[in-house]
Amino acid sequence: MAVWNWNDGKCLEFKMDTRYRHTYIKSHQTCYLDYRLLFCCGQYAHIVVLHATSLAVLFTLASNSQPDWISSFVVVTHPNQRSKFLFMMLL
């Protein structure tokens, strides 16, 4: 994955993590964080949540009982409430 400068098109950061091969990435901005989150799923058995500008893995969402349960997801939050809850509907 790479972070690019929108103005001049230069690559600011590049990270190669052989543990993950992402096939779906959803960007999300919460009202209680000053940075965006990247929710990623792919050819691995959990959802990986990355810091959007540093590409650091913040945490993972996993299932012990159904390890192959994720192929896609939708991130839903309430627009008018400052909630620290994040609801994910798995498709």
PDB file of N, CA and C in Angstrom:
ATOM      1  N   MET A   1       0.848  -1.169   0.000  1.00  0.00           N
ATOM      2  CA  MET A   1       0.000   0.000   0.000  1.00  0.00           C
ATOM      3  C   MET A   1       0.891   1.229   0.000  1.00  0.00           C
ATOM      4  N   ALA A   2       0.361   2.313  -0.526  1.00  0.00           N
ATOM      5  CA  ALA A   2       1.144   3.537  -0.623  1.00  0.00           C
ATOM      6  C   ALA A   2       0.283   4.743  -0.263  1.00  0.00           C
ATOM      7  N   VAL A   3       0.923   5.758   0.293  1.00  0.00           N
ATOM      8  CA  VAL A   3       0.293   7.054   0.555  1.00  0.00           C
ATOM      9  C   VAL A   3       0.893   8.031  -0.446  1.00  0.00           C
ATOM     10  N   TRP A   4       0.009   8.727  -1.185  1.00  0.00           N
ATOM     11  CA  TRP A   4       0.450   9.630  -2.244  1.00  0.00           C
ATOM     12  C   TRP A   4       0.090  11.071  -1.904  1.00  0.00           C
ATOM     13  N   ASN A   5       0.941  12.007  -2.327  1.00  0.00           N
ATOM     14  CA  ASN A   5       0.634  13.425  -2.213  1.00  0.00           C
ATOM     15  C   ASN A   5      -0.355  13.773  -3.319  1.00  0.00           C
ATOM     16  N   TRP A   6      -1.498  14.295  -2.945  1.00  0.00           N
ATOM     17  CA  TRP A   6      -2.557  14.604  -3.902  1.00  0.00           C
ATOM     18  C   TRP A   6      -2.141  15.719  -4.862  1.00  0.00           C
ATOM     19  N   ASN A   7      -1.321  16.677  -4.407  1.00  0.00           N
ATOM     20  CA  ASN A   7      -0.949  17.834  -5.227  1.00  0.00           C
ATOM     21  C   ASN A   7       0.117  17.525  -6.273  1.00  0.00           C
ATOM     22  N   ASP A   8       1.201  16.861  -5.875  1.00  0.00           N
ATOM     23  CA  ASP A   8       2.289  16.645  -6.831  1.00  0.00           C
ATOM     24  C   ASP A   8       2.425  15.196  -7.304  1.00  0.00           C
ATOM     25  N   GLY A   9       1.617  14.291  -6.768  1.00  0.00           N
ATOM     26  CA  GLY A   9       1.628  12.908  -7.228  1.00  0.00           C
ATOM     27  C   GLY A   9       2.796  12.073  -6.747  1.00  0.00           C
ATOM     28  N   LYS A  10       3.552  12.570  -5.770  1.00  0.00           N
ATOM     29  CA  LYS A  10       4.699  11.821  -5.261  1.00  0.00           C
ATOM     30  C   LYS A  10       4.261  10.829  -4.186  1.00  0.00           C
ATOM     31  N   CYS A  11       4.949   9.707  -4.162  1.00  0.00           N
ATOM     32  CA  CYS A  11       4.690   8.684  -3.148  1.00  0.00           C
ATOM     33  C   CYS A  11       5.343   9.129  -1.838  1.00  0.00           C
ATOM     34  N   LEU A  12       4.539   9.265  -0.782  1.00  0.00           N
ATOM     35  CA  LEU A  12       5.055   9.689   0.513  1.00  0.00           C
ATOM     36  C   LEU A  12       5.492   8.511   1.369  1.00  0.00           C
ATOM     37  N   GLU A  13       4.789   7.417   1.248  1.00  0.00           N
ATOM     38  CA  GLU A  13       5.100   6.240   2.061  1.00  0.00           C
ATOM     39  C   GLU A  13       4.641   4.992   1.330  1.00  0.00           C
ATOM     40  N   PHE A  14       5.422   3.950   1.449  1.00  0.00           N
ATOM     41  CA  PHE A  14       5.073   2.669   0.841  1.00  0.00           C
ATOM     42  C   PHE A  14       5.335   1.574   1.865  1.00  0.00           C
ATOM     43  N   LYS A  15       4.334   0.719   2.069  1.00  0.00           N
ATOM     44  CA  LYS A  15       4.493  -0.394   3.009  1.00  0.00           C
ATOM     45  C   LYS A  15       4.077  -1.686   2.343  1.00  0.00           C
ATOM     46  N   MET A  16       4.945  -2.661   2.431  1.00  0.00           N
ATOM     47  CA  MET A  16       4.658  -3.991   1.919  1.00  0.00           C
ATOM     48  C   MET A  16       4.506  -4.915   3.122  1.00  0.00           C
ATOM     49  N   ASP A  17       3.332  -5.467   3.276  1.00  0.00           N
ATOM     50  CA  ASP A  17       3.071  -6.402   4.368  1.00  0.00           C
ATOM     51  C   ASP A  17       2.613  -7.713   3.746  1.00  0.00           C
ATOM     52  N   THR A  18       3.453  -8.714   3.786  1.00  0.00           N
ATOM     53  CA  THR A  18       3.150  -9.979   3.122  1.00  0.00           C
ATOM     54  C   THR A  18       2.079 -10.792   3.844  1.00  0.00           C
ATOM     55  N   ARG A  19       1.689 -10.375   5.055  1.00  0.00           N
ATOM     56  CA  ARG A  19       0.623 -11.085   5.771  1.00  0.00           C
ATOM     57  C   ARG A  19      -0.740 -10.835   5.146  1.00  0.00           C
ATOM     58  N   TYR A  20      -0.904  -9.697   4.458  1.00  0.00           N
ATOM     59  CA  TYR A  20      -2.224  -9.298   3.979  1.00  0.00           C
ATOM     60  C   TYR A  20      -2.208  -9.040   2.476  1.00  0.00           C
ATOM     61  N   ARG A  21      -3.214  -9.571   1.809  1.00  0.00           N
ATOM     62  CA  ARG A  21      -3.475  -9.229   0.407  1.00  0.00           C
ATOM     63  C   ARG A  21      -4.907  -8.711   0.362  1.00  0.00           C
ATOM     64  N   HIS A  22      -5.042  -7.380   0.371  1.00  0.00           N
ATOM     65  CA  HIS A  22      -6.350  -6.738   0.450  1.00  0.00           C
ATOM     66  C   HIS A  22      -7.096  -6.859  -0.876  1.00  0.00           C
ATOM     67  N   THR A  23      -8.382  -7.186  -0.788  1.00  0.00           N
ATOM     68  CA  THR A  23      -9.237  -7.195  -1.974  1.00  0.00           C
ATOM     69  C   THR A  23     -10.349  -6.163  -1.861  1.00  0.00           C
ATOM     70  N   TYR A  24     -10.582  -5.635  -0.644  1.00  0.00           N
ATOM     71  CA  TYR A  24     -11.616  -4.625  -0.440  1.00  0.00           C
ATOM     72  C   TYR A  24     -11.155  -3.698   0.672  1.00  0.00           C
ATOM     73  N   ILE A  25     -11.202  -2.390   0.425  1.00  0.00           N
ATOM     74  CA  ILE A  25     -10.790  -1.386   1.409  1.00  0.00           C
ATOM     75  C   ILE A  25     -11.866  -0.323   1.489  1.00  0.00           C
ATOM     76  N   LYS A  26     -12.272   0.023   2.707  1.00  0.00           N
ATOM     77  CA  LYS A  26     -13.276   1.062   2.942  1.00  0.00           C
ATOM     78  C   LYS A  26     -12.674   2.104   3.871  1.00  0.00           C
ATOM     79  N   SER A  27     -12.646   3.355   3.438  1.00  0.00           N
ATOM     80  CA  SER A  27     -12.147   4.457   4.255  1.00  0.00           C
ATOM     81  C   SER A  27     -13.280   4.994   5.120  1.00  0.00           C
ATOM     82  N   HIS A  28     -12.953   5.354   6.362  1.00  0.00           N
ATOM     83  CA  HIS A  28     -13.982   5.860   7.271  1.00  0.00           C
ATOM     84  C   HIS A  28     -13.390   6.931   8.180  1.00  0.00           C
ATOM     85  N   GLN A  29     -14.111   8.041   8.353  1.00  0.00           N
ATOM     86  CA  GLN A  29     -13.721   9.121   9.259  1.00  0.00           C
ATOM     87  C   GLN A  29     -14.717   9.167  10.403  1.00  0.00           C
ATOM     88  N   THR A  30     -14.244   8.989  11.616  1.00  0.00           N
ATOM     89  CA  THR A  30     -15.119   9.094  12.782  1.00  0.00           C
ATOM     90  C   THR A  30     -15.064  10.514  13.326  1.00  0.00           C
ATOM     91  N   CYS A  31     -16.065  10.878  14.108  1.00  0.00           N
ATOM     92  CA  CYS A  31     -16.096  12.227  14.672  1.00  0.00           C
ATOM     93  C   CYS A  31     -15.182  12.357  15.888  1.00  0.00           C
ATOM     94  N   TYR A  32     -14.719  11.259  16.450  1.00  0.00           N
ATOM     95  CA  TYR A  32     -13.909  11.318  17.665  1.00  0.00           C
ATOM     96  C   TYR A  32     -12.420  11.059  17.412  1.00  0.00           C
ATOM     97  N   LEU A  33     -12.025  10.858  16.161  1.00  0.00           N
ATOM     98  CA  LEU A  33     -10.610  10.708  15.813  1.00  0.00           C
ATOM     99  C   LEU A  33     -10.222  11.791  14.819  1.00  0.00           C
ATOM    100  N   ASP A  34      -8.973  12.221  14.851  1.00  0.00           N
ATOM    101  CA  ASP A  34      -8.524  13.246  13.907  1.00  0.00           C
ATOM    102  C   ASP A  34      -7.830  12.642  12.684  1.00  0.00           C
ATOM    103  N   TYR A  35      -8.032  11.365  12.454  1.00  0.00           N
ATOM    104  CA  TYR A  35      -7.473  10.702  11.282  1.00  0.00           C
ATOM    105  C   TYR A  35      -8.483   9.695  10.746  1.00  0.00           C
ATOM    106  N   ARG A  36      -8.292   9.308   9.508  1.00  0.00           N
ATOM    107  CA  ARG A  36      -9.174   8.332   8.866  1.00  0.00           C
ATOM    108  C   ARG A  36      -8.708   6.919   9.175  1.00  0.00           C
ATOM    109  N   LEU A  37      -9.652   6.002   9.133  1.00  0.00           N
ATOM    110  CA  LEU A  37      -9.377   4.583   9.299  1.00  0.00           C
ATOM    111  C   LEU A  37      -9.602   3.881   7.968  1.00  0.00           C
ATOM    112  N   LEU A  38      -8.803   2.881   7.686  1.00  0.00           N
ATOM    113  CA  LEU A  38      -9.000   2.036   6.515  1.00  0.00           C
ATOM    114  C   LEU A  38      -9.375   0.641   7.002  1.00  0.00           C
ATOM    115  N   PHE A  39     -10.585   0.207   6.672  1.00  0.00           N
ATOM    116  CA  PHE A  39     -11.049  -1.137   7.003  1.00  0.00           C
ATOM    117  C   PHE A  39     -10.772  -2.010   5.785  1.00  0.00           C
ATOM    118  N   CYS A  40      -9.993  -3.064   5.969  1.00  0.00           N
ATOM    119  CA  CYS A  40      -9.548  -3.893   4.853  1.00  0.00           C
ATOM    120  C   CYS A  40      -9.911  -5.355   5.085  1.00  0.00           C
ATOM    121  N   CYS A  41     -10.346  -6.021   4.018  1.00  0.00           N
ATOM    122  CA  CYS A  41     -10.501  -7.473   4.061  1.00  0.00           C
ATOM    123  C   CYS A  41      -9.915  -8.029   2.777  1.00  0.00           C
ATOM    124  N   GLY A  42      -9.662  -9.319   2.785  1.00  0.00           N
ATOM    125  CA  GLY A  42      -9.045  -9.912   1.605  1.00  0.00           C
ATOM    126  C   GLY A  42      -8.767 -11.375   1.788  1.00  0.00           C
ATOM    127  N   GLN A  43      -7.593 -11.791   1.371  1.00  0.00           N
ATOM    128  CA  GLN A  43      -7.236 -13.202   1.418  1.00  0.00           C
ATOM    129  C   GLN A  43      -6.617 -13.549   2.769  1.00  0.00           C
ATOM    130  N   TYR A  44      -7.373 -13.270   3.815  1.00  0.00           N
ATOM    131  CA  TYR A  44      -7.029 -13.576   5.198  1.00  0.00           C
ATOM    132  C   TYR A  44      -8.337 -13.612   5.976  1.00  0.00           C
ATOM    133  N   ALA A  45      -8.321 -14.120   7.185  1.00  0.00           N
ATOM    134  CA  ALA A  45      -9.560 -14.466   7.896  1.00  0.00           C
ATOM    135  C   ALA A  45     -10.056 -13.408   8.877  1.00  0.00           C
ATOM    136  N   HIS A  46      -9.778 -12.130   8.650  1.00  0.00           N
ATOM    137  CA  HIS A  46     -10.255 -11.088   9.561  1.00  0.00           C
ATOM    138  C   HIS A  46     -10.299  -9.744   8.831  1.00  0.00           C
ATOM    139  N   ILE A  47     -10.794  -8.725   9.515  1.00  0.00           N
ATOM    140  CA  ILE A  47     -10.777  -7.359   9.002  1.00  0.00           C
ATOM    141  C   ILE A  47      -9.603  -6.648   9.661  1.00  0.00           C
ATOM    142  N   VAL A  48      -8.766  -6.026   8.865  1.00  0.00           N
ATOM    143  CA  VAL A  48      -7.615  -5.283   9.361  1.00  0.00           C
ATOM    144  C   VAL A  48      -7.970  -3.804   9.322  1.00  0.00           C
ATOM    145  N   VAL A  49      -7.721  -3.089  10.420  1.00  0.00           N
ATOM    146  CA  VAL A  49      -7.995  -1.653  10.488  1.00  0.00           C
ATOM    147  C   VAL A  49      -6.655  -0.922  10.535  1.00  0.00           C
ATOM    148  N   LEU A  50      -6.449  -0.057   9.532  1.00  0.00           N
ATOM    149  CA  LEU A  50      -5.193   0.675   9.387  1.00  0.00           C
ATOM    150  C   LEU A  50      -5.395   2.162   9.638  1.00  0.00           C
ATOM    151  N   HIS A  51      -4.351   2.825  10.121  1.00  0.00           N
ATOM    152  CA  HIS A  51      -4.295   4.288  10.176  1.00  0.00           C
ATOM    153  C   HIS A  51      -4.060   4.746   8.739  1.00  0.00           C
ATOM    154  N   ALA A  52      -4.892   5.633   8.226  1.00  0.00           N
ATOM    155  CA  ALA A  52      -4.862   5.971   6.800  1.00  0.00           C
ATOM    156  C   ALA A  52      -3.602   6.704   6.357  1.00  0.00           C
ATOM    157  N   THR A  53      -2.957   7.462   7.224  1.00  0.00           N
ATOM    158  CA  THR A  53      -1.772   8.201   6.788  1.00  0.00           C
ATOM    159  C   THR A  53      -0.462   7.496   7.109  1.00  0.00           C
ATOM    160  N   SER A  54      -0.424   6.696   8.164  1.00  0.00           N
ATOM    161  CA  SER A  54       0.814   5.977   8.488  1.00  0.00           C
ATOM    162  C   SER A  54       0.800   4.538   7.988  1.00  0.00           C
ATOM    163  N   LEU A  55      -0.374   4.034   7.624  1.00  0.00           N
ATOM    164  CA  LEU A  55      -0.586   2.654   7.184  1.00  0.00           C
ATOM    165  C   LEU A  55      -0.239   1.630   8.263  1.00  0.00           C
ATOM    166  N   ALA A  56      -0.198   2.073   9.519  1.00  0.00           N
ATOM    167  CA  ALA A  56       0.061   1.160  10.635  1.00  0.00           C
ATOM    168  C   ALA A  56      -1.206   0.369  10.949  1.00  0.00           C
ATOM    169  N   VAL A  57      -1.041  -0.905  11.285  1.00  0.00           N
ATOM    170  CA  VAL A  57      -2.175  -1.726  11.700  1.00  0.00           C
ATOM    171  C   VAL A  57      -2.564  -1.310  13.111  1.00  0.00           C
ATOM    172  N   LEU A  58      -3.809  -0.828  13.276  1.00  0.00           N
ATOM    173  CA  LEU A  58      -4.290  -0.410  14.587  1.00  0.00           C
ATOM    174  C   LEU A  58      -4.887  -1.577  15.360  1.00  0.00           C
ATOM    175  N   PHE A  59      -5.711  -2.373  14.692  1.00  0.00           N
ATOM    176  CA  PHE A  59      -6.295  -3.558  15.311  1.00  0.00           C
ATOM    177  C   PHE A  59      -6.923  -4.417  14.228  1.00  0.00           C
ATOM    178  N   THR A  60      -7.352  -5.611  14.613  1.00  0.00           N
ATOM    179  CA  THR A  60      -8.045  -6.504  13.692  1.00  0.00           C
ATOM    180  C   THR A  60      -9.362  -6.937  14.314  1.00  0.00           C
ATOM    181  N   LEU A  61     -10.315  -7.258  13.472  1.00  0.00           N
ATOM    182  CA  LEU A  61     -11.605  -7.804  13.888  1.00  0.00           C
ATOM    183  C   LEU A  61     -11.652  -9.229  13.359  1.00  0.00           C
ATOM    184  N   ALA A  62     -11.816 -10.190  14.266  1.00  0.00           N
ATOM    185  CA  ALA A  62     -11.731 -11.590  13.860  1.00  0.00           C
ATOM    186  C   ALA A  62     -12.834 -12.406  14.511  1.00  0.00           C
ATOM    187  N   SER A  63     -13.085 -13.552  13.938  1.00  0.00           N
ATOM    188  CA  SER A  63     -14.055 -14.504  14.467  1.00  0.00           C
ATOM    189  C   SER A  63     -13.346 -15.826  14.725  1.00  0.00           C
ATOM    190  N   ASN A  64     -13.429 -16.307  15.957  1.00  0.00           N
ATOM    191  CA  ASN A  64     -12.827 -17.602  16.279  1.00  0.00           C
ATOM    192  C   ASN A  64     -13.666 -18.762  15.764  1.00  0.00           C
ATOM    193  N   SER A  65     -14.985 -18.578  15.728  1.00  0.00           N
ATOM    194  CA  SER A  65     -15.860 -19.685  15.344  1.00  0.00           C
ATOM    195  C   SER A  65     -16.015 -19.825  13.834  1.00  0.00           C
ATOM    196  N   GLN A  66     -15.972 -18.716  13.095  1.00  0.00           N
ATOM    197  CA  GLN A  66     -16.133 -18.738  11.636  1.00  0.00           C
ATOM    198  C   GLN A  66     -14.975 -17.970  10.997  1.00  0.00           C
ATOM    199  N   PRO A  67     -13.811 -18.583  10.839  1.00  0.00           N
ATOM    200  CA  PRO A  67     -12.650 -17.827  10.369  1.00  0.00           C
ATOM    201  C   PRO A  67     -12.721 -17.357   8.920  1.00  0.00           C
ATOM    202  N   ASP A  68     -13.585 -17.943   8.102  1.00  0.00           N
ATOM    203  CA  ASP A  68     -13.682 -17.531   6.695  1.00  0.00           C
ATOM    204  C   ASP A  68     -14.974 -16.778   6.419  1.00  0.00           C
ATOM    205  N   TRP A  69     -15.386 -15.923   7.317  1.00  0.00           N
ATOM    206  CA  TRP A  69     -16.698 -15.292   7.255  1.00  0.00           C
ATOM    207  C   TRP A  69     -16.713 -13.973   6.511  1.00  0.00           C
ATOM    208  N   ILE A  70     -15.602 -13.419   6.124  1.00  0.00           N
ATOM    209  CA  ILE A  70     -15.581 -12.062   5.582  1.00  0.00           C
ATOM    210  C   ILE A  70     -15.236 -12.078   4.096  1.00  0.00           C
ATOM    211  N   SER A  71     -16.128 -11.509   3.291  1.00  0.00           N
ATOM    212  CA  SER A  71     -15.804 -11.285   1.887  1.00  0.00           C
ATOM    213  C   SER A  71     -16.040  -9.833   1.506  1.00  0.00           C
ATOM    214  N   SER A  72     -16.907  -9.154   2.254  1.00  0.00           N
ATOM    215  CA  SER A  72     -17.198  -7.741   2.038  1.00  0.00           C
ATOM    216  C   SER A  72     -17.872  -7.214   3.294  1.00  0.00           C
ATOM    217  N   PHE A  73     -17.977  -5.898   3.428  1.00  0.00           N
ATOM    218  CA  PHE A  73     -18.623  -5.312   4.598  1.00  0.00           C
ATOM    219  C   PHE A  73     -19.051  -3.889   4.283  1.00  0.00           C
ATOM    220  N   VAL A  74     -19.914  -3.361   5.128  1.00  0.00           N
ATOM    221  CA  VAL A  74     -20.376  -1.977   5.034  1.00  0.00           C
ATOM    222  C   VAL A  74     -20.187  -1.349   6.405  1.00  0.00           C
ATOM    223  N   VAL A  75     -19.619  -0.153   6.466  1.00  0.00           N
ATOM    224  CA  VAL A  75     -19.428   0.556   7.726  1.00  0.00           C
ATOM    225  C   VAL A  75     -20.569   1.548   7.890  1.00  0.00           C
ATOM    226  N   VAL A  76     -21.270   1.484   9.032  1.00  0.00           N
ATOM    227  CA  VAL A  76     -22.430   2.339   9.276  1.00  0.00           C
ATOM    228  C   VAL A  76     -22.265   3.023  10.625  1.00  0.00           C
ATOM    229  N   THR A  77     -22.415   4.342  10.660  1.00  0.00           N
ATOM    230  CA  THR A  77     -22.455   5.094  11.913  1.00  0.00           C
ATOM    231  C   THR A  77     -23.616   6.072  11.850  1.00  0.00           C
ATOM    232  N   HIS A  78     -24.045   6.542  12.997  1.00  0.00           N
ATOM    233  CA  HIS A  78     -25.140   7.509  13.050  1.00  0.00           C
ATOM    234  C   HIS A  78     -24.579   8.905  12.789  1.00  0.00           C
ATOM    235  N   PRO A  79     -25.092   9.642  11.797  1.00  0.00           N
ATOM    236  CA  PRO A  79     -24.495  10.927  11.417  1.00  0.00           C
ATOM    237  C   PRO A  79     -24.713  12.055  12.424  1.00  0.00           C
ATOM    238  N   ASN A  80     -25.734  11.967  13.265  1.00  0.00           N
ATOM    239  CA  ASN A  80     -26.061  13.079  14.156  1.00  0.00           C
ATOM    240  C   ASN A  80     -25.654  12.845  15.601  1.00  0.00           C
ATOM    241  N   GLN A  81     -24.994  11.756  15.896  1.00  0.00           N
ATOM    242  CA  GLN A  81     -24.610  11.474  17.270  1.00  0.00           C
ATOM    243  C   GLN A  81     -23.120  11.208  17.358  1.00  0.00           C
ATOM    244  N   ARG A  82     -22.532  11.703  18.410  1.00  0.00           N
ATOM    245  CA  ARG A  82     -21.107  11.448  18.661  1.00  0.00           C
ATOM    246  C   ARG A  82     -20.996  10.107  19.389  1.00  0.00           C
ATOM    247  N   SER A  83     -21.048   9.084  18.629  1.00  0.00           N
ATOM    248  CA  SER A  83     -21.050   7.735  19.184  1.00  0.00           C
ATOM    249  C   SER A  83     -19.702   7.072  18.971  1.00  0.00           C
ATOM    250  N   LYS A  84     -19.267   6.297  19.927  1.00  0.00           N
ATOM    251  CA  LYS A  84     -18.027   5.549  19.789  1.00  0.00           C
ATOM    252  C   LYS A  84     -18.301   4.119  19.358  1.00  0.00           C
ATOM    253  N   PHE A  85     -19.474   3.882  18.843  1.00  0.00           N
ATOM    254  CA  PHE A  85     -19.821   2.555  18.355  1.00  0.00           C
ATOM    255  C   PHE A  85     -19.701   2.525  16.839  1.00  0.00           C
ATOM    256  N   LEU A  86     -19.233   1.448  16.347  1.00  0.00           N
ATOM    257  CA  LEU A  86     -19.112   1.248  14.913  1.00  0.00           C
ATOM    258  C   LEU A  86     -19.842  -0.039  14.582  1.00  0.00           C
ATOM    259  N   PHE A  87     -20.823   0.050  13.715  1.00  0.00           N
ATOM    260  CA  PHE A  87     -21.598  -1.116  13.330  1.00  0.00           C
ATOM    261  C   PHE A  87     -21.123  -1.578  11.964  1.00  0.00           C
ATOM    262  N   MET A  88     -20.904  -2.854  11.844  1.00  0.00           N
ATOM    263  CA  MET A  88     -20.483  -3.406  10.564  1.00  0.00           C
ATOM    264  C   MET A  88     -21.460  -4.489  10.161  1.00  0.00           C
ATOM    265  N   MET A  89     -21.982  -4.355   8.959  1.00  0.00           N
ATOM    266  CA  MET A  89     -22.859  -5.376   8.405  1.00  0.00           C
ATOM    267  C   MET A  89     -22.032  -6.182   7.421  1.00  0.00           C
ATOM    268  N   LEU A  90     -21.955  -7.456   7.625  1.00  0.00           N
ATOM    269  CA  LEU A  90     -21.180  -8.310   6.734  1.00  0.00           C
ATOM    270  C   LEU A  90     -22.067  -8.810   5.620  1.00  0.00           C
ATOM    271  N   LEU A  91     -21.581  -8.742   4.406  1.00  0.00           N
ATOM    272  CA  LEU A  91     -22.349  -9.150   3.239  1.00  0.00           C
ATOM    273  C   LEU A  91     -21.861 -10.480   2.717  1.00  0.00           C
TER     274      LEU A  91
END
